[in-house]
Amino acid sequence: MASFNKVILMGGITRDPEMKQAASGVKVADLSLAISEQWKDKSGESQESTCYVDVVVWNRQAELCCQYLTKGSQVLVEGRLQLDKWENPQGEKRSRLRVQASRVQFLSSGKRAEGSGATGSGSSPATQSQSVPAPASPDIDDMGDEDDLPF
């Protein structure tokens, strides 16, 4: 049976990235991403829903995330879903689903590296990619009544 595991998300960082180092010396950063969706319900009222997603980033990319991203930074994350399972000290089985990032693209300027000597005219990874074209998709308001949808 074929399978496919790819995730692409765009949203805002909900807290400053946290850096950890594994026993092997590999650097790992944990990010929390908020992805908001806005729409109008049948009565015309604006509605909003936010999905919070945990993201794990490895190696040099983890260092760059911690160096340049702060709460509120906008990012595009590409990766795959990963299910983590463990047992807590009370013997209860726990699990969580998160995204293991293969690529994090910075969409907004973040903090500057301390001691980097960067000035306003310098180019940091946080400012190299200011925008990503959004994929073309129909506006929900243009789709008509929910009963007309094919699914």
C-alpha atoms as a PDB file:
ATOM      1  CA  MET A   1       0.000   0.000   0.000  1.00  0.00           C
ATOM      2  CA  ALA A   2       1.321   3.427  -0.962  1.00  0.00           C
ATOM      3  CA  SER A   3       1.600   6.193   1.578  1.00  0.00           C
ATOM      4  CA  PHE A   4       2.421   9.894   1.574  1.00  0.00           C
ATOM      5  CA  ASN A   5       3.286  12.138   4.515  1.00  0.00           C
ATOM      6  CA  LYS A   6       3.778  15.824   3.655  1.00  0.00           C
ATOM      7  CA  VAL A   7       2.623  18.911   5.528  1.00  0.00           C
ATOM      8  CA  ILE A   8       2.798  22.552   4.445  1.00  0.00           C
ATOM      9  CA  LEU A   9       1.664  25.151   6.977  1.00  0.00           C
ATOM     10  CA  MET A  10       1.846  28.924   7.160  1.00  0.00           C
ATOM     11  CA  GLY A  11       1.202  30.849  10.341  1.00  0.00           C
ATOM     12  CA  GLY A  12       2.609  32.783  13.263  1.00  0.00           C
ATOM     13  CA  ILE A  13       4.976  31.640  15.989  1.00  0.00           C
ATOM     14  CA  THR A  14       3.104  31.664  19.332  1.00  0.00           C
ATOM     15  CA  ARG A  15       6.179  31.849  21.582  1.00  0.00           C
ATOM     16  CA  ASP A  16       9.924  32.273  21.177  1.00  0.00           C
ATOM     17  CA  PRO A  17      11.553  29.068  19.861  1.00  0.00           C
ATOM     18  CA  GLU A  18      13.171  26.844  22.497  1.00  0.00           C
ATOM     19  CA  MET A  19      16.580  25.280  21.751  1.00  0.00           C
ATOM     20  CA  LYS A  20      17.652  21.939  23.213  1.00  0.00           C
ATOM     21  CA  GLN A  21      20.647  19.773  22.585  1.00  0.00           C
ATOM     22  CA  ALA A  22      20.420  15.989  22.362  1.00  0.00           C
ATOM     23  CA  ALA A  23      22.998  13.796  24.104  1.00  0.00           C
ATOM     24  CA  SER A  24      24.578  13.263  20.677  1.00  0.00           C
ATOM     25  CA  GLY A  25      25.126  17.029  20.355  1.00  0.00           C
ATOM     26  CA  VAL A  26      22.413  17.543  17.736  1.00  0.00           C
ATOM     27  CA  LYS A  27      20.510  20.796  18.196  1.00  0.00           C
ATOM     28  CA  VAL A  28      16.713  20.695  18.288  1.00  0.00           C
ATOM     29  CA  ALA A  29      14.267  23.607  18.383  1.00  0.00           C
ATOM     30  CA  ASP A  30      10.616  23.421  19.366  1.00  0.00           C
ATOM     31  CA  LEU A  31       8.216  25.876  17.740  1.00  0.00           C
ATOM     32  CA  SER A  32       4.523  26.404  18.284  1.00  0.00           C
ATOM     33  CA  LEU A  33       2.604  27.630  15.256  1.00  0.00           C
ATOM     34  CA  ALA A  34      -0.869  29.222  15.124  1.00  0.00           C
ATOM     35  CA  ILE A  35      -2.787  28.869  11.872  1.00  0.00           C
ATOM     36  CA  SER A  36      -5.935  30.981  11.741  1.00  0.00           C
ATOM     37  CA  GLU A  37      -8.870  30.653   9.385  1.00  0.00           C
ATOM     38  CA  GLN A  38     -11.562  33.296   8.920  1.00  0.00           C
ATOM     39  CA  TRP A  39     -14.971  32.918   7.250  1.00  0.00           C
ATOM     40  CA  LYS A  40     -18.523  34.194   7.362  1.00  0.00           C
ATOM     41  CA  ASP A  41     -21.265  31.910   8.617  1.00  0.00           C
ATOM     42  CA  LYS A  42     -24.746  31.611   7.060  1.00  0.00           C
ATOM     43  CA  SER A  43     -25.967  34.652   9.009  1.00  0.00           C
ATOM     44  CA  GLY A  44     -23.070  36.782   7.704  1.00  0.00           C
ATOM     45  CA  GLU A  45     -21.219  36.901  11.023  1.00  0.00           C
ATOM     46  CA  SER A  46     -17.420  36.755  10.855  1.00  0.00           C
ATOM     47  CA  GLN A  47     -16.004  33.610  12.420  1.00  0.00           C
ATOM     48  CA  GLU A  48     -12.430  32.633  13.215  1.00  0.00           C
ATOM     49  CA  SER A  49     -10.810  29.371  14.187  1.00  0.00           C
ATOM     50  CA  THR A  50      -7.197  28.864  15.168  1.00  0.00           C
ATOM     51  CA  CYS A  51      -5.291  25.588  15.026  1.00  0.00           C
ATOM     52  CA  TYR A  52      -2.144  25.285  17.143  1.00  0.00           C
ATOM     53  CA  VAL A  53       0.577  22.961  15.871  1.00  0.00           C
ATOM     54  CA  ASP A  54       3.836  21.873  17.498  1.00  0.00           C
ATOM     55  CA  VAL A  55       6.845  21.816  15.160  1.00  0.00           C
ATOM     56  CA  VAL A  56      10.303  20.326  15.737  1.00  0.00           C
ATOM     57  CA  VAL A  57      13.317  21.623  13.780  1.00  0.00           C
ATOM     58  CA  TRP A  58      16.787  20.033  13.695  1.00  0.00           C
ATOM     59  CA  ASN A  59      20.468  20.981  13.253  1.00  0.00           C
ATOM     60  CA  ARG A  60      21.498  24.287  11.653  1.00  0.00           C
ATOM     61  CA  GLN A  61      17.915  25.166  10.786  1.00  0.00           C
ATOM     62  CA  ALA A  62      17.061  24.900  14.507  1.00  0.00           C
ATOM     63  CA  GLU A  63      19.861  27.337  15.317  1.00  0.00           C
ATOM     64  CA  LEU A  64      18.623  29.819  12.713  1.00  0.00           C
ATOM     65  CA  CYS A  65      15.047  29.597  13.995  1.00  0.00           C
ATOM     66  CA  CYS A  66      16.198  30.377  17.543  1.00  0.00           C
ATOM     67  CA  GLN A  67      18.461  33.153  16.304  1.00  0.00           C
ATOM     68  CA  TYR A  68      15.968  34.988  14.087  1.00  0.00           C
ATOM     69  CA  LEU A  69      12.404  34.041  15.072  1.00  0.00           C
ATOM     70  CA  THR A  70      10.364  35.466  17.922  1.00  0.00           C
ATOM     71  CA  LYS A  71       6.764  35.298  19.027  1.00  0.00           C
ATOM     72  CA  GLY A  72       4.620  36.652  16.195  1.00  0.00           C
ATOM     73  CA  SER A  73       7.075  35.875  13.370  1.00  0.00           C
ATOM     74  CA  GLN A  74       5.367  34.524  10.265  1.00  0.00           C
ATOM     75  CA  VAL A  75       6.774  31.297   8.783  1.00  0.00           C
ATOM     76  CA  LEU A  76       6.049  28.690   6.148  1.00  0.00           C
ATOM     77  CA  VAL A  77       6.845  25.177   7.385  1.00  0.00           C
ATOM     78  CA  GLU A  78       7.276  22.113   5.192  1.00  0.00           C
ATOM     79  CA  GLY A  79       7.662  18.719   6.790  1.00  0.00           C
ATOM     80  CA  ARG A  80       5.953  15.523   7.795  1.00  0.00           C
ATOM     81  CA  LEU A  81       3.679  14.386  10.604  1.00  0.00           C
ATOM     82  CA  GLN A  82       5.376  12.501  13.414  1.00  0.00           C
ATOM     83  CA  LEU A  83       3.679  10.628  16.254  1.00  0.00           C
ATOM     84  CA  ASP A  84       5.653  10.659  19.510  1.00  0.00           C
ATOM     85  CA  LYS A  85       4.766   8.031  22.145  1.00  0.00           C
ATOM     86  CA  TRP A  86       6.030   7.789  25.723  1.00  0.00           C
ATOM     87  CA  GLU A  87       5.072   6.694  29.190  1.00  0.00           C
ATOM     88  CA  ASN A  88       4.838   9.258  31.993  1.00  0.00           C
ATOM     89  CA  PRO A  89       6.241   8.634  35.512  1.00  0.00           C
ATOM     90  CA  GLN A  90       2.828   7.355  36.637  1.00  0.00           C
ATOM     91  CA  GLY A  91       2.976   4.640  33.947  1.00  0.00           C
ATOM     92  CA  GLU A  92       0.322   6.214  31.712  1.00  0.00           C
ATOM     93  CA  LYS A  93       0.859   6.006  27.967  1.00  0.00           C
ATOM     94  CA  ARG A  94       0.984   9.384  26.244  1.00  0.00           C
ATOM     95  CA  SER A  95       1.277  10.487  22.615  1.00  0.00           C
ATOM     96  CA  ARG A  96       1.296  13.649  20.562  1.00  0.00           C
ATOM     97  CA  LEU A  97       1.260  14.479  16.897  1.00  0.00           C
ATOM     98  CA  ARG A  98       3.640  17.172  15.661  1.00  0.00           C
ATOM     99  CA  VAL A  99       5.346  18.292  12.474  1.00  0.00           C
ATOM    100  CA  GLN A 100       8.968  17.390  11.888  1.00  0.00           C
ATOM    101  CA  ALA A 101      10.150  20.282   9.721  1.00  0.00           C
ATOM    102  CA  SER A 102      12.287  19.683   6.683  1.00  0.00           C
ATOM    103  CA  ARG A 103      12.217  23.391   5.783  1.00  0.00           C
ATOM    104  CA  VAL A 104      11.256  26.583   7.607  1.00  0.00           C
ATOM    105  CA  GLN A 105      10.972  29.709   5.471  1.00  0.00           C
ATOM    106  CA  PHE A 106      10.950  33.022   7.330  1.00  0.00           C
ATOM    107  CA  LEU A 107       8.220  35.312   5.990  1.00  0.00           C
ATOM    108  CA  SER A 108       8.646  38.282   8.328  1.00  0.00           C
ATOM    109  CA  SER A 109      11.594  40.008   9.906  1.00  0.00           C
ATOM    110  CA  GLY A 110      12.563  38.741  13.305  1.00  0.00           C
ATOM    111  CA  LYS A 111      15.234  39.650  15.802  1.00  0.00           C
ATOM    112  CA  ARG A 112      18.825  40.252  14.730  1.00  0.00           C
ATOM    113  CA  ALA A 113      21.655  38.010  15.835  1.00  0.00           C
ATOM    114  CA  GLU A 114      23.441  39.408  18.853  1.00  0.00           C
ATOM    115  CA  GLY A 115      26.892  40.677  17.989  1.00  0.00           C
ATOM    116  CA  SER A 116      26.387  40.039  14.288  1.00  0.00           C
ATOM    117  CA  GLY A 117      27.126  43.648  13.409  1.00  0.00           C
ATOM    118  CA  ALA A 118      24.154  43.616  11.065  1.00  0.00           C
ATOM    119  CA  THR A 119      22.688  46.960  10.139  1.00  0.00           C
ATOM    120  CA  GLY A 120      19.396  47.892   8.595  1.00  0.00           C
ATOM    121  CA  SER A 121      20.873  47.398   5.112  1.00  0.00           C
ATOM    122  CA  GLY A 122      22.183  43.911   5.846  1.00  0.00           C
ATOM    123  CA  SER A 123      20.442  40.782   4.678  1.00  0.00           C
ATOM    124  CA  SER A 124      19.719  38.099   7.244  1.00  0.00           C
ATOM    125  CA  PRO A 125      17.926  34.805   6.681  1.00  0.00           C
ATOM    126  CA  ALA A 126      14.896  36.380   8.355  1.00  0.00           C
ATOM    127  CA  THR A 127      14.669  39.106   5.716  1.00  0.00           C
ATOM    128  CA  GLN A 128      15.724  37.194   2.598  1.00  0.00           C
ATOM    129  CA  SER A 129      12.239  35.751   2.011  1.00  0.00           C
ATOM    130  CA  GLN A 130       9.648  38.384   2.694  1.00  0.00           C
ATOM    131  CA  SER A 131       6.754  36.646   0.974  1.00  0.00           C
ATOM    132  CA  VAL A 132       5.631  33.424  -0.614  1.00  0.00           C
ATOM    133  CA  PRO A 133       2.949  33.459  -3.288  1.00  0.00           C
ATOM    134  CA  ALA A 134      -0.201  31.874  -1.947  1.00  0.00           C
ATOM    135  CA  PRO A 135      -1.652  29.041  -3.984  1.00  0.00           C
ATOM    136  CA  ALA A 136      -4.687  30.030  -6.007  1.00  0.00           C
ATOM    137  CA  SER A 137      -7.853  28.873  -4.286  1.00  0.00           C
ATOM    138  CA  PRO A 138     -11.478  29.906  -4.535  1.00  0.00           C
ATOM    139  CA  ASP A 139     -12.859  32.272  -1.931  1.00  0.00           C
ATOM    140  CA  ILE A 140     -15.299  30.538   0.411  1.00  0.00           C
ATOM    141  CA  ASP A 141     -17.845  33.306  -0.172  1.00  0.00           C
ATOM    142  CA  ASP A 142     -17.735  32.571  -3.936  1.00  0.00           C
ATOM    143  CA  MET A 143     -18.612  28.908  -3.482  1.00  0.00           C
ATOM    144  CA  GLY A 144     -22.306  29.453  -2.825  1.00  0.00           C
ATOM    145  CA  ASP A 145     -24.427  27.450  -0.425  1.00  0.00           C
ATOM    146  CA  GLU A 146     -22.877  24.566   1.519  1.00  0.00           C
ATOM    147  CA  ASP A 147     -25.452  22.219  -0.035  1.00  0.00           C
ATOM    148  CA  ASP A 148     -23.911  22.890  -3.473  1.00  0.00           C
ATOM    149  CA  LEU A 149     -20.466  21.622  -2.431  1.00  0.00           C
ATOM    150  CA  PRO A 150     -19.433  18.290  -4.009  1.00  0.00           C
ATOM    151  CA  PHE A 151     -18.312  16.753  -0.673  1.00  0.00           C
END
